[in-house]
Amino acid sequence: MRTLVFLIVLFITLPAYAIDKDKVSHFAGGAVLGLTADTIIYHTKDWEQPKRMVISGGLAFIPGFAIEVVDEFSGTHFSWYDLLADGLGSATGVVAGELINGKLWISASPRRVSLTGHW
C-alpha cells in the first residue's frame, strides 16, 4: 500500500512538461491498437488468454516499431523511449481489452491488488 501511495504522489507531483508529447502519442496509439487487437481476436478466435494476450500485444507493437525504423532512415533517429512507450501502451491496451471482454478481473484486498482470470 505504501508503494501505491508513493507512486500516486510521484505522478501527481511530476511536472506536466516532464513527459514529452511524442511519448504520450506513442503510448496512446499503442493502447488503442492493443485494445483493438485484443477485442478483435477475442471475438474471432477461440484462443486461451495467454496466447491471445501475447499475440494481441505483438500485433499492437508492430506499427510502433515500424515507425521507429522509418524514423531512423528519415533523419529523426530511432528512439528507444518511443519504443518503450509503444510497448507499455500496447500492454495497457491488451489488459484493458481483457478487462472489458470479461476474462480478467481485478481483485483487491487491504494488502494487495492482483489480476485474476481464466487461463
PDB file of N, CA and C in Angstrom:
ATOM      1  N   MET A   1       0.828  -1.194   0.000  1.00  0.00           N
ATOM      2  CA  MET A   1       0.000   0.000   0.000  1.00  0.00           C
ATOM      3  C   MET A   1       0.872   1.258   0.000  1.00  0.00           C
ATOM      4  N   ARG A   2       1.978   1.192   0.742  1.00  0.00           N
ATOM      5  CA  ARG A   2       2.873   2.343   0.766  1.00  0.00           C
ATOM      6  C   ARG A   2       3.443   2.628  -0.621  1.00  0.00           C
ATOM      7  N   THR A   3       3.715   1.556  -1.352  1.00  0.00           N
ATOM      8  CA  THR A   3       4.237   1.729  -2.708  1.00  0.00           C
ATOM      9  C   THR A   3       3.219   2.419  -3.597  1.00  0.00           C
ATOM     10  N   LEU A   4       1.959   2.007  -3.484  1.00  0.00           N
ATOM     11  CA  LEU A   4       0.900   2.621  -4.279  1.00  0.00           C
ATOM     12  C   LEU A   4       0.759   4.101  -3.944  1.00  0.00           C
ATOM     13  N   VAL A   5       0.766   4.436  -2.664  1.00  0.00           N
ATOM     14  CA  VAL A   5       0.663   5.839  -2.246  1.00  0.00           C
ATOM     15  C   VAL A   5       1.861   6.629  -2.776  1.00  0.00           C
ATOM     16  N   PHE A   6       3.050   6.042  -2.692  1.00  0.00           N
ATOM     17  CA  PHE A   6       4.248   6.706  -3.201  1.00  0.00           C
ATOM     18  C   PHE A   6       4.134   6.989  -4.696  1.00  0.00           C
ATOM     19  N   LEU A   7       3.671   5.994  -5.460  1.00  0.00           N
ATOM     20  CA  LEU A   7       3.530   6.183  -6.907  1.00  0.00           C
ATOM     21  C   LEU A   7       2.494   7.244  -7.243  1.00  0.00           C
ATOM     22  N   ILE A   8       1.394   7.262  -6.506  1.00  0.00           N
ATOM     23  CA  ILE A   8       0.364   8.278  -6.740  1.00  0.00           C
ATOM     24  C   ILE A   8       0.923   9.671  -6.473  1.00  0.00           C
ATOM     25  N   VAL A   9       1.619   9.829  -5.355  1.00  0.00           N
ATOM     26  CA  VAL A   9       2.213  11.131  -5.024  1.00  0.00           C
ATOM     27  C   VAL A   9       3.253  11.519  -6.076  1.00  0.00           C
ATOM     28  N   LEU A  10       4.047  10.556  -6.520  1.00  0.00           N
ATOM     29  CA  LEU A  10       5.063  10.832  -7.533  1.00  0.00           C
ATOM     30  C   LEU A  10       4.439  11.344  -8.825  1.00  0.00           C
ATOM     31  N   PHE A  11       3.373  10.690  -9.293  1.00  0.00           N
ATOM     32  CA  PHE A  11       2.752  11.109 -10.545  1.00  0.00           C
ATOM     33  C   PHE A  11       1.983  12.417 -10.401  1.00  0.00           C
ATOM     34  N   ILE A  12       1.454  12.691  -9.222  1.00  0.00           N
ATOM     35  CA  ILE A  12       0.753  13.955  -9.016  1.00  0.00           C
ATOM     36  C   ILE A  12       1.741  15.117  -9.023  1.00  0.00           C
ATOM     37  N   THR A  13       2.912  14.901  -8.439  1.00  0.00           N
ATOM     38  CA  THR A  13       3.889  15.984  -8.348  1.00  0.00           C
ATOM     39  C   THR A  13       4.786  16.084  -9.572  1.00  0.00           C
ATOM     40  N   LEU A  14       4.693  15.130 -10.482  1.00  0.00           N
ATOM     41  CA  LEU A  14       5.504  15.154 -11.697  1.00  0.00           C
ATOM     42  C   LEU A  14       5.067  16.326 -12.572  1.00  0.00           C
ATOM     43  N   PRO A  15       5.991  17.192 -12.948  1.00  0.00           N
ATOM     44  CA  PRO A  15       5.599  18.319 -13.802  1.00  0.00           C
ATOM     45  C   PRO A  15       5.033  17.837 -15.130  1.00  0.00           C
ATOM     46  N   ALA A  16       4.062  18.551 -15.628  1.00  0.00           N
ATOM     47  CA  ALA A  16       3.390  18.154 -16.866  1.00  0.00           C
ATOM     48  C   ALA A  16       4.345  18.164 -18.054  1.00  0.00           C
ATOM     49  N   TYR A  17       5.348  19.009 -18.028  1.00  0.00           N
ATOM     50  CA  TYR A  17       6.274  19.095 -19.143  1.00  0.00           C
ATOM     51  C   TYR A  17       7.346  18.003 -19.107  1.00  0.00           C
ATOM     52  N   ALA A  18       7.376  17.187 -18.058  1.00  0.00           N
ATOM     53  CA  ALA A  18       8.417  16.165 -17.931  1.00  0.00           C
ATOM     54  C   ALA A  18       8.222  15.022 -18.927  1.00  0.00           C
ATOM     55  N   ILE A  19       7.007  14.807 -19.377  1.00  0.00           N
ATOM     56  CA  ILE A  19       6.741  13.748 -20.350  1.00  0.00           C
ATOM     57  C   ILE A  19       6.483  14.406 -21.703  1.00  0.00           C
ATOM     58  N   ASP A  20       7.285  14.046 -22.659  1.00  0.00           N
ATOM     59  CA  ASP A  20       7.193  14.618 -23.999  1.00  0.00           C
ATOM     60  C   ASP A  20       5.868  14.224 -24.651  1.00  0.00           C
ATOM     61  N   LYS A  21       5.273  15.148 -25.394  1.00  0.00           N
ATOM     62  CA  LYS A  21       4.008  14.860 -26.085  1.00  0.00           C
ATOM     63  C   LYS A  21       4.143  13.674 -27.031  1.00  0.00           C
ATOM     64  N   ASP A  22       5.308  13.528 -27.614  1.00  0.00           N
ATOM     65  CA  ASP A  22       5.548  12.421 -28.534  1.00  0.00           C
ATOM     66  C   ASP A  22       5.407  11.070 -27.822  1.00  0.00           C
ATOM     67  N   LYS A  23       5.893  10.991 -26.591  1.00  0.00           N
ATOM     68  CA  LYS A  23       5.790   9.735 -25.831  1.00  0.00           C
ATOM     69  C   LYS A  23       4.337   9.442 -25.480  1.00  0.00           C
ATOM     70  N   VAL A  24       3.590  10.466 -25.155  1.00  0.00           N
ATOM     71  CA  VAL A  24       2.167  10.289 -24.853  1.00  0.00           C
ATOM     72  C   VAL A  24       1.436   9.788 -26.095  1.00  0.00           C
ATOM     73  N   SER A  25       1.793  10.324 -27.252  1.00  0.00           N
ATOM     74  CA  SER A  25       1.177   9.874 -28.504  1.00  0.00           C
ATOM     75  C   SER A  25       1.513   8.416 -28.793  1.00  0.00           C
ATOM     76  N   HIS A  26       2.764   8.034 -28.577  1.00  0.00           N
ATOM     77  CA  HIS A  26       3.154   6.641 -28.785  1.00  0.00           C
ATOM     78  C   HIS A  26       2.406   5.722 -27.816  1.00  0.00           C
ATOM     79  N   PHE A  27       2.310   6.124 -26.557  1.00  0.00           N
ATOM     80  CA  PHE A  27       1.602   5.313 -25.567  1.00  0.00           C
ATOM     81  C   PHE A  27       0.124   5.178 -25.938  1.00  0.00           C
ATOM     82  N   ALA A  28      -0.508   6.288 -26.272  1.00  0.00           N
ATOM     83  CA  ALA A  28      -1.940   6.264 -26.613  1.00  0.00           C
ATOM     84  C   ALA A  28      -2.194   5.432 -27.867  1.00  0.00           C
ATOM     85  N   GLY A  29      -1.348   5.582 -28.868  1.00  0.00           N
ATOM     86  CA  GLY A  29      -1.503   4.784 -30.085  1.00  0.00           C
ATOM     87  C   GLY A  29      -1.355   3.299 -29.807  1.00  0.00           C
ATOM     88  N   GLY A  30      -0.362   2.942 -28.998  1.00  0.00           N
ATOM     89  CA  GLY A  30      -0.176   1.539 -28.633  1.00  0.00           C
ATOM     90  C   GLY A  30      -1.351   0.998 -27.844  1.00  0.00           C
ATOM     91  N   ALA A  31      -1.898   1.829 -26.947  1.00  0.00           N
ATOM     92  CA  ALA A  31      -3.040   1.385 -26.140  1.00  0.00           C
ATOM     93  C   ALA A  31      -4.276   1.140 -27.006  1.00  0.00           C
ATOM     94  N   VAL A  32      -4.524   2.041 -27.932  1.00  0.00           N
ATOM     95  CA  VAL A  32      -5.684   1.867 -28.828  1.00  0.00           C
ATOM     96  C   VAL A  32      -5.502   0.621 -29.686  1.00  0.00           C
ATOM     97  N   LEU A  33      -4.305   0.436 -30.226  1.00  0.00           N
ATOM     98  CA  LEU A  33      -4.044  -0.747 -31.050  1.00  0.00           C
ATOM     99  C   LEU A  33      -4.124  -2.031 -30.227  1.00  0.00           C
ATOM    100  N   GLY A  34      -3.616  -2.000 -28.991  1.00  0.00           N
ATOM    101  CA  GLY A  34      -3.690  -3.181 -28.127  1.00  0.00           C
ATOM    102  C   GLY A  34      -5.115  -3.544 -27.778  1.00  0.00           C
ATOM    103  N   LEU A  35      -5.912  -2.549 -27.438  1.00  0.00           N
ATOM    104  CA  LEU A  35      -7.323  -2.786 -27.120  1.00  0.00           C
ATOM    105  C   LEU A  35      -8.071  -3.314 -28.341  1.00  0.00           C
ATOM    106  N   THR A  36      -7.819  -2.718 -29.486  1.00  0.00           N
ATOM    107  CA  THR A  36      -8.488  -3.148 -30.717  1.00  0.00           C
ATOM    108  C   THR A  36      -8.089  -4.571 -31.104  1.00  0.00           C
ATOM    109  N   ALA A  37      -6.794  -4.852 -31.080  1.00  0.00           N
ATOM    110  CA  ALA A  37      -6.320  -6.189 -31.455  1.00  0.00           C
ATOM    111  C   ALA A  37      -6.867  -7.244 -30.506  1.00  0.00           C
ATOM    112  N   ASP A  38      -6.845  -6.963 -29.203  1.00  0.00           N
ATOM    113  CA  ASP A  38      -7.341  -7.948 -28.240  1.00  0.00           C
ATOM    114  C   ASP A  38      -8.835  -8.185 -28.411  1.00  0.00           C
ATOM    115  N   THR A  39      -9.593  -7.137 -28.636  1.00  0.00           N
ATOM    116  CA  THR A  39     -11.040  -7.286 -28.804  1.00  0.00           C
ATOM    117  C   THR A  39     -11.373  -8.066 -30.075  1.00  0.00           C
ATOM    118  N   ILE A  40     -10.687  -7.762 -31.166  1.00  0.00           N
ATOM    119  CA  ILE A  40     -10.944  -8.488 -32.417  1.00  0.00           C
ATOM    120  C   ILE A  40     -10.585  -9.966 -32.266  1.00  0.00           C
ATOM    121  N   ILE A  41      -9.429 -10.247 -31.689  1.00  0.00           N
ATOM    122  CA  ILE A  41      -9.023 -11.644 -31.515  1.00  0.00           C
ATOM    123  C   ILE A  41      -9.947 -12.354 -30.532  1.00  0.00           C
ATOM    124  N   TYR A  42     -10.385 -11.659 -29.498  1.00  0.00           N
ATOM    125  CA  TYR A  42     -11.301 -12.253 -28.516  1.00  0.00           C
ATOM    126  C   TYR A  42     -12.595 -12.711 -29.184  1.00  0.00           C
ATOM    127  N   HIS A  43     -13.101 -11.903 -30.101  1.00  0.00           N
ATOM    128  CA  HIS A  43     -14.392 -12.213 -30.724  1.00  0.00           C
ATOM    129  C   HIS A  43     -14.290 -13.078 -31.981  1.00  0.00           C
ATOM    130  N   THR A  44     -13.094 -13.262 -32.530  1.00  0.00           N
ATOM    131  CA  THR A  44     -12.977 -14.050 -33.762  1.00  0.00           C
ATOM    132  C   THR A  44     -12.247 -15.374 -33.580  1.00  0.00           C
ATOM    133  N   LYS A  45     -11.434 -15.509 -32.564  1.00  0.00           N
ATOM    134  CA  LYS A  45     -10.656 -16.730 -32.348  1.00  0.00           C
ATOM    135  C   LYS A  45     -11.025 -17.353 -31.007  1.00  0.00           C
ATOM    136  N   ASP A  46     -10.844 -18.649 -30.904  1.00  0.00           N
ATOM    137  CA  ASP A  46     -11.118 -19.356 -29.650  1.00  0.00           C
ATOM    138  C   ASP A  46      -9.797 -19.718 -28.971  1.00  0.00           C
ATOM    139  N   TRP A  47      -8.982 -18.705 -28.709  1.00  0.00           N
ATOM    140  CA  TRP A  47      -7.673 -18.925 -28.108  1.00  0.00           C
ATOM    141  C   TRP A  47      -7.744 -18.694 -26.608  1.00  0.00           C
ATOM    142  N   GLU A  48      -6.870 -19.384 -25.884  1.00  0.00           N
ATOM    143  CA  GLU A  48      -6.766 -19.172 -24.447  1.00  0.00           C
ATOM    144  C   GLU A  48      -6.146 -17.796 -24.184  1.00  0.00           C
ATOM    145  N   GLN A  49      -6.367 -17.312 -22.974  1.00  0.00           N
ATOM    146  CA  GLN A  49      -5.962 -15.952 -22.631  1.00  0.00           C
ATOM    147  C   GLN A  49      -4.473 -15.657 -22.827  1.00  0.00           C
ATOM    148  N   PRO A  50      -3.550 -16.474 -22.341  1.00  0.00           N
ATOM    149  CA  PRO A  50      -2.141 -16.076 -22.524  1.00  0.00           C
ATOM    150  C   PRO A  50      -1.753 -15.929 -23.995  1.00  0.00           C
ATOM    151  N   LYS A  51      -2.192 -16.862 -24.822  1.00  0.00           N
ATOM    152  CA  LYS A  51      -1.869 -16.797 -26.248  1.00  0.00           C
ATOM    153  C   LYS A  51      -2.498 -15.564 -26.880  1.00  0.00           C
ATOM    154  N   ARG A  52      -3.750 -15.292 -26.539  1.00  0.00           N
ATOM    155  CA  ARG A  52      -4.459 -14.141 -27.097  1.00  0.00           C
ATOM    156  C   ARG A  52      -3.767 -12.839 -26.694  1.00  0.00           C
ATOM    157  N   MET A  53      -3.343 -12.742 -25.438  1.00  0.00           N
ATOM    158  CA  MET A  53      -2.709 -11.516 -24.963  1.00  0.00           C
ATOM    159  C   MET A  53      -1.350 -11.293 -25.625  1.00  0.00           C
ATOM    160  N   VAL A  54      -0.580 -12.356 -25.767  1.00  0.00           N
ATOM    161  CA  VAL A  54       0.744 -12.219 -26.380  1.00  0.00           C
ATOM    162  C   VAL A  54       0.623 -11.821 -27.847  1.00  0.00           C
ATOM    163  N   ILE A  55      -0.266 -12.473 -28.568  1.00  0.00           N
ATOM    164  CA  ILE A  55      -0.427 -12.158 -29.990  1.00  0.00           C
ATOM    165  C   ILE A  55      -1.001 -10.754 -30.172  1.00  0.00           C
ATOM    166  N   SER A  56      -1.970 -10.380 -29.356  1.00  0.00           N
ATOM    167  CA  SER A  56      -2.541  -9.029 -29.445  1.00  0.00           C
ATOM    168  C   SER A  56      -1.487  -7.970 -29.159  1.00  0.00           C
ATOM    169  N   GLY A  57      -0.699  -8.195 -28.112  1.00  0.00           N
ATOM    170  CA  GLY A  57       0.358  -7.245 -27.779  1.00  0.00           C
ATOM    171  C   GLY A  57       1.399  -7.133 -28.880  1.00  0.00           C
ATOM    172  N   GLY A  58       1.756  -8.274 -29.467  1.00  0.00           N
ATOM    173  CA  GLY A  58       2.719  -8.260 -30.568  1.00  0.00           C
ATOM    174  C   GLY A  58       2.201  -7.523 -31.785  1.00  0.00           C
ATOM    175  N   LEU A  59       0.945  -7.778 -32.124  1.00  0.00           N
ATOM    176  CA  LEU A  59       0.346  -7.084 -33.274  1.00  0.00           C
ATOM    177  C   LEU A  59       0.257  -5.581 -33.032  1.00  0.00           C
ATOM    178  N   ALA A  60      -0.062  -5.194 -31.804  1.00  0.00           N
ATOM    179  CA  ALA A  60      -0.176  -3.770 -31.488  1.00  0.00           C
ATOM    180  C   ALA A  60       1.187  -3.086 -31.465  1.00  0.00           C
ATOM    181  N   PHE A  61       2.241  -3.851 -31.205  1.00  0.00           N
ATOM    182  CA  PHE A  61       3.591  -3.296 -31.109  1.00  0.00           C
ATOM    183  C   PHE A  61       4.236  -3.076 -32.481  1.00  0.00           C
ATOM    184  N   ILE A  62       3.822  -3.840 -33.469  1.00  0.00           N
ATOM    185  CA  ILE A  62       4.440  -3.788 -34.806  1.00  0.00           C
ATOM    186  C   ILE A  62       4.406  -2.387 -35.431  1.00  0.00           C
ATOM    187  N   PRO A  63       3.262  -1.675 -35.440  1.00  0.00           N
ATOM    188  CA  PRO A  63       3.279  -0.337 -36.058  1.00  0.00           C
ATOM    189  C   PRO A  63       4.239   0.638 -35.375  1.00  0.00           C
ATOM    190  N   GLY A  64       4.336   0.583 -34.054  1.00  0.00           N
ATOM    191  CA  GLY A  64       5.261   1.467 -33.352  1.00  0.00           C
ATOM    192  C   GLY A  64       6.708   1.174 -33.706  1.00  0.00           C
ATOM    193  N   PHE A  65       7.032  -0.107 -33.804  1.00  0.00           N
ATOM    194  CA  PHE A  65       8.385  -0.495 -34.205  1.00  0.00           C
ATOM    195  C   PHE A  65       8.671  -0.039 -35.632  1.00  0.00           C
ATOM    196  N   ALA A  66       7.699  -0.216 -36.512  1.00  0.00           N
ATOM    197  CA  ALA A  66       7.869   0.206 -37.905  1.00  0.00           C
ATOM    198  C   ALA A  66       8.096   1.716 -38.000  1.00  0.00           C
ATOM    199  N   ILE A  67       7.369   2.480 -37.201  1.00  0.00           N
ATOM    200  CA  ILE A  67       7.551   3.938 -37.198  1.00  0.00           C
ATOM    201  C   ILE A  67       8.970   4.295 -36.770  1.00  0.00           C
ATOM    202  N   GLU A  68       9.492   3.605 -35.768  1.00  0.00           N
ATOM    203  CA  GLU A  68      10.851   3.897 -35.304  1.00  0.00           C
ATOM    204  C   GLU A  68      11.899   3.527 -36.352  1.00  0.00           C
ATOM    205  N   VAL A  69      11.684   2.443 -37.073  1.00  0.00           N
ATOM    206  CA  VAL A  69      12.613   2.068 -38.145  1.00  0.00           C
ATOM    207  C   VAL A  69      12.588   3.126 -39.249  1.00  0.00           C
ATOM    208  N   VAL A  70      11.399   3.587 -39.615  1.00  0.00           N
ATOM    209  CA  VAL A  70      11.284   4.646 -40.625  1.00  0.00           C
ATOM    210  C   VAL A  70      11.954   5.924 -40.117  1.00  0.00           C
ATOM    211  N   ASP A  71      11.768   6.249 -38.832  1.00  0.00           N
ATOM    212  CA  ASP A  71      12.412   7.435 -38.256  1.00  0.00           C
ATOM    213  C   ASP A  71      13.932   7.362 -38.373  1.00  0.00           C
ATOM    214  N   GLU A  72      14.485   6.188 -38.193  1.00  0.00           N
ATOM    215  CA  GLU A  72      15.941   6.034 -38.276  1.00  0.00           C
ATOM    216  C   GLU A  72      16.464   6.407 -39.657  1.00  0.00           C
ATOM    217  N   PHE A  73      15.716   6.071 -40.677  1.00  0.00           N
ATOM    218  CA  PHE A  73      16.177   6.336 -42.039  1.00  0.00           C
ATOM    219  C   PHE A  73      15.693   7.676 -42.588  1.00  0.00           C
ATOM    220  N   SER A  74      14.820   8.364 -41.854  1.00  0.00           N
ATOM    221  CA  SER A  74      14.332   9.659 -42.332  1.00  0.00           C
ATOM    222  C   SER A  74      15.048  10.830 -41.676  1.00  0.00           C
ATOM    223  N   GLY A  75      15.964  10.548 -40.772  1.00  0.00           N
ATOM    224  CA  GLY A  75      16.749  11.620 -40.186  1.00  0.00           C
ATOM    225  C   GLY A  75      16.377  11.999 -38.767  1.00  0.00           C
ATOM    226  N   THR A  76      15.266  11.491 -38.220  1.00  0.00           N
ATOM    227  CA  THR A  76      14.905  11.855 -36.845  1.00  0.00           C
ATOM    228  C   THR A  76      15.426  10.850 -35.827  1.00  0.00           C
ATOM    229  N   HIS A  77      15.994   9.767 -36.260  1.00  0.00           N
ATOM    230  CA  HIS A  77      16.662   8.756 -35.440  1.00  0.00           C
ATOM    231  C   HIS A  77      15.698   7.877 -34.636  1.00  0.00           C
ATOM    232  N   PHE A  78      16.135   6.661 -34.475  1.00  0.00           N
ATOM    233  CA  PHE A  78      15.425   5.634 -33.709  1.00  0.00           C
ATOM    234  C   PHE A  78      15.422   6.032 -32.236  1.00  0.00           C
ATOM    235  N   SER A  79      14.279   5.912 -31.566  1.00  0.00           N
ATOM    236  CA  SER A  79      14.183   6.277 -30.152  1.00  0.00           C
ATOM    237  C   SER A  79      13.727   5.080 -29.324  1.00  0.00           C
ATOM    238  N   TRP A  80      14.594   4.656 -28.419  1.00  0.00           N
ATOM    239  CA  TRP A  80      14.231   3.547 -27.529  1.00  0.00           C
ATOM    240  C   TRP A  80      13.104   3.955 -26.592  1.00  0.00           C
ATOM    241  N   TYR A  81      13.043   5.229 -26.226  1.00  0.00           N
ATOM    242  CA  TYR A  81      11.980   5.687 -25.332  1.00  0.00           C
ATOM    243  C   TYR A  81      10.620   5.675 -26.035  1.00  0.00           C
ATOM    244  N   ASP A  82      10.608   6.015 -27.312  1.00  0.00           N
ATOM    245  CA  ASP A  82       9.362   5.899 -28.081  1.00  0.00           C
ATOM    246  C   ASP A  82       8.920   4.446 -28.154  1.00  0.00           C
ATOM    247  N   LEU A  83       9.881   3.559 -28.362  1.00  0.00           N
ATOM    248  CA  LEU A  83       9.580   2.130 -28.430  1.00  0.00           C
ATOM    249  C   LEU A  83       9.068   1.623 -27.082  1.00  0.00           C
ATOM    250  N   LEU A  84       9.645   2.120 -25.994  1.00  0.00           N
ATOM    251  CA  LEU A  84       9.163   1.758 -24.659  1.00  0.00           C
ATOM    252  C   LEU A  84       7.731   2.241 -24.455  1.00  0.00           C
ATOM    253  N   ALA A  85       7.444   3.460 -24.879  1.00  0.00           N
ATOM    254  CA  ALA A  85       6.078   3.988 -24.770  1.00  0.00           C
ATOM    255  C   ALA A  85       5.111   3.162 -25.610  1.00  0.00           C
ATOM    256  N   ASP A  86       5.532   2.741 -26.795  1.00  0.00           N
ATOM    257  CA  ASP A  86       4.698   1.865 -27.631  1.00  0.00           C
ATOM    258  C   ASP A  86       4.405   0.550 -26.918  1.00  0.00           C
ATOM    259  N   GLY A  87       5.430  -0.054 -26.342  1.00  0.00           N
ATOM    260  CA  GLY A  87       5.260  -1.331 -25.652  1.00  0.00           C
ATOM    261  C   GLY A  87       4.372  -1.228 -24.430  1.00  0.00           C
ATOM    262  N   LEU A  88       4.584  -0.188 -23.632  1.00  0.00           N
ATOM    263  CA  LEU A  88       3.741  -0.001 -22.447  1.00  0.00           C
ATOM    264  C   LEU A  88       2.299   0.291 -22.839  1.00  0.00           C
ATOM    265  N   GLY A  89       2.110   1.070 -23.879  1.00  0.00           N
ATOM    266  CA  GLY A  89       0.761   1.343 -24.366  1.00  0.00           C
ATOM    267  C   GLY A  89       0.084   0.092 -24.889  1.00  0.00           C
ATOM    268  N   SER A  90       0.831  -0.719 -25.635  1.00  0.00           N
ATOM    269  CA  SER A  90       0.273  -1.972 -26.156  1.00  0.00           C
ATOM    270  C   SER A  90      -0.155  -2.888 -25.021  1.00  0.00           C
ATOM    271  N   ALA A  91       0.710  -3.027 -24.019  1.00  0.00           N
ATOM    272  CA  ALA A  91       0.379  -3.885 -22.875  1.00  0.00           C
ATOM    273  C   ALA A  91      -0.835  -3.354 -22.123  1.00  0.00           C
ATOM    274  N   THR A  92      -0.907  -2.051 -21.946  1.00  0.00           N
ATOM    275  CA  THR A  92      -2.053  -1.450 -21.267  1.00  0.00           C
ATOM    276  C   THR A  92      -3.335  -1.689 -22.052  1.00  0.00           C
ATOM    277  N   GLY A  93      -3.279  -1.530 -23.356  1.00  0.00           N
ATOM    278  CA  GLY A  93      -4.452  -1.765 -24.195  1.00  0.00           C
ATOM    279  C   GLY A  93      -4.908  -3.206 -24.166  1.00  0.00           C
ATOM    280  N   VAL A  94      -3.967  -4.143 -24.172  1.00  0.00           N
ATOM    281  CA  VAL A  94      -4.322  -5.564 -24.125  1.00  0.00           C
ATOM    282  C   VAL A  94      -4.977  -5.907 -22.792  1.00  0.00           C
ATOM    283  N   VAL A  95      -4.418  -5.418 -21.691  1.00  0.00           N
ATOM    284  CA  VAL A  95      -5.023  -5.674 -20.377  1.00  0.00           C
ATOM    285  C   VAL A  95      -6.405  -5.038 -20.305  1.00  0.00           C
ATOM    286  N   ALA A  96      -6.550  -3.834 -20.835  1.00  0.00           N
ATOM    287  CA  ALA A  96      -7.873  -3.194 -20.861  1.00  0.00           C
ATOM    288  C   ALA A  96      -8.850  -4.015 -21.691  1.00  0.00           C
ATOM    289  N   GLY A  97      -8.387  -4.560 -22.812  1.00  0.00           N
ATOM    290  CA  GLY A  97      -9.242  -5.409 -23.639  1.00  0.00           C
ATOM    291  C   GLY A  97      -9.706  -6.646 -22.896  1.00  0.00           C
ATOM    292  N   GLU A  98      -8.809  -7.267 -22.144  1.00  0.00           N
ATOM    293  CA  GLU A  98      -9.181  -8.448 -21.358  1.00  0.00           C
ATOM    294  C   GLU A  98     -10.176  -8.080 -20.260  1.00  0.00           C
ATOM    295  N   LEU A  99      -9.963  -6.930 -19.634  1.00  0.00           N
ATOM    296  CA  LEU A  99     -10.903  -6.485 -18.595  1.00  0.00           C
ATOM    297  C   LEU A  99     -12.272  -6.196 -19.191  1.00  0.00           C
ATOM    298  N   ILE A 100     -12.292  -5.515 -20.318  1.00  0.00           N
ATOM    299  CA  ILE A 100     -13.558  -5.151 -20.955  1.00  0.00           C
ATOM    300  C   ILE A 100     -14.286  -6.384 -21.467  1.00  0.00           C
ATOM    301  N   ASN A 101     -13.555  -7.328 -22.022  1.00  0.00           N
ATOM    302  CA  ASN A 101     -14.182  -8.523 -22.573  1.00  0.00           C
ATOM    303  C   ASN A 101     -14.536  -9.566 -21.514  1.00  0.00           C
ATOM    304  N   GLY A 102     -14.243  -9.291 -20.269  1.00  0.00           N
ATOM    305  CA  GLY A 102     -14.722 -10.129 -19.177  1.00  0.00           C
ATOM    306  C   GLY A 102     -13.905 -11.345 -18.840  1.00  0.00           C
ATOM    307  N   LYS A 103     -12.680 -11.416 -19.271  1.00  0.00           N
ATOM    308  CA  LYS A 103     -11.870 -12.588 -18.971  1.00  0.00           C
ATOM    309  C   LYS A 103     -10.831 -12.334 -17.886  1.00  0.00           C
ATOM    310  N   LEU A 104     -10.723 -11.134 -17.433  1.00  0.00           N
ATOM    311  CA  LEU A 104      -9.719 -10.798 -16.437  1.00  0.00           C
ATOM    312  C   LEU A 104     -10.371  -9.896 -15.406  1.00  0.00           C
ATOM    313  N   TRP A 105     -10.108 -10.145 -14.136  1.00  0.00           N
ATOM    314  CA  TRP A 105     -10.705  -9.344 -13.076  1.00  0.00           C
ATOM    315  C   TRP A 105      -9.624  -8.769 -12.195  1.00  0.00           C
ATOM    316  N   ILE A 106      -9.930  -7.639 -11.621  1.00  0.00           N
ATOM    317  CA  ILE A 106      -9.046  -7.043 -10.629  1.00  0.00           C
ATOM    318  C   ILE A 106      -9.612  -7.399  -9.273  1.00  0.00           C
ATOM    319  N   SER A 107      -8.801  -8.042  -8.446  1.00  0.00           N
ATOM    320  CA  SER A 107      -9.232  -8.333  -7.087  1.00  0.00           C
ATOM    321  C   SER A 107      -8.336  -7.546  -6.141  1.00  0.00           C
ATOM    322  N   ALA A 108      -8.946  -6.973  -5.135  1.00  0.00           N
ATOM    323  CA  ALA A 108      -8.192  -6.131  -4.217  1.00  0.00           C
ATOM    324  C   ALA A 108      -8.453  -6.554  -2.784  1.00  0.00           C
ATOM    325  N   SER A 109      -7.423  -6.478  -1.991  1.00  0.00           N
ATOM    326  CA  SER A 109      -7.529  -6.704  -0.558  1.00  0.00           C
ATOM    327  C   SER A 109      -6.762  -5.569   0.109  1.00  0.00           C
ATOM    328  N   PRO A 110      -6.834  -5.462   1.425  1.00  0.00           N
ATOM    329  CA  PRO A 110      -6.091  -4.380   2.074  1.00  0.00           C
ATOM    330  C   PRO A 110      -4.585  -4.445   1.836  1.00  0.00           C
ATOM    331  N   ARG A 111      -4.059  -5.631   1.519  1.00  0.00           N
ATOM    332  CA  ARG A 111      -2.618  -5.766   1.367  1.00  0.00           C
ATOM    333  C   ARG A 111      -2.130  -5.746  -0.076  1.00  0.00           C
ATOM    334  N   ARG A 112      -2.987  -6.107  -1.050  1.00  0.00           N
ATOM    335  CA  ARG A 112      -2.507  -6.139  -2.426  1.00  0.00           C
ATOM    336  C   ARG A 112      -3.645  -6.073  -3.434  1.00  0.00           C
ATOM    337  N   VAL A 113      -3.279  -5.697  -4.640  1.00  0.00           N
ATOM    338  CA  VAL A 113      -4.200  -5.688  -5.773  1.00  0.00           C
ATOM    339  C   VAL A 113      -3.637  -6.676  -6.786  1.00  0.00           C
ATOM    340  N   SER A 114      -4.484  -7.566  -7.299  1.00  0.00           N
ATOM    341  CA  SER A 114      -3.984  -8.547  -8.259  1.00  0.00           C
ATOM    342  C   SER A 114      -4.980  -8.737  -9.392  1.00  0.00           C
ATOM    343  N   LEU A 115      -4.453  -9.183 -10.514  1.00  0.00           N
ATOM    344  CA  LEU A 115      -5.276  -9.516 -11.668  1.00  0.00           C
ATOM    345  C   LEU A 115      -5.487 -11.025 -11.670  1.00  0.00           C
ATOM    346  N   THR A 116      -6.726 -11.454 -11.796  1.00  0.00           N
ATOM    347  CA  THR A 116      -7.020 -12.882 -11.875  1.00  0.00           C
ATOM    348  C   THR A 116      -7.896 -13.123 -13.087  1.00  0.00           C
ATOM    349  N   GLY A 117      -7.884 -14.338 -13.574  1.00  0.00           N
ATOM    350  CA  GLY A 117      -8.706 -14.631 -14.735  1.00  0.00           C
ATOM    351  C   GLY A 117      -8.704 -16.092 -15.087  1.00  0.00           C
ATOM    352  N   HIS A 118      -9.380 -16.432 -16.168  1.00  0.00           N
ATOM    353  CA  HIS A 118      -9.426 -17.802 -16.663  1.00  0.00           C
ATOM    354  C   HIS A 118      -8.235 -18.043 -17.567  1.00  0.00           C
ATOM    355  N   TRP A 119      -7.548 -19.131 -17.378  1.00  0.00           N
ATOM    356  CA  TRP A 119      -6.405 -19.469 -18.227  1.00  0.00           C
ATOM    357  C   TRP A 119      -6.752 -20.598 -19.092  1.00  0.00           C
TER     358      TRP A 119
END
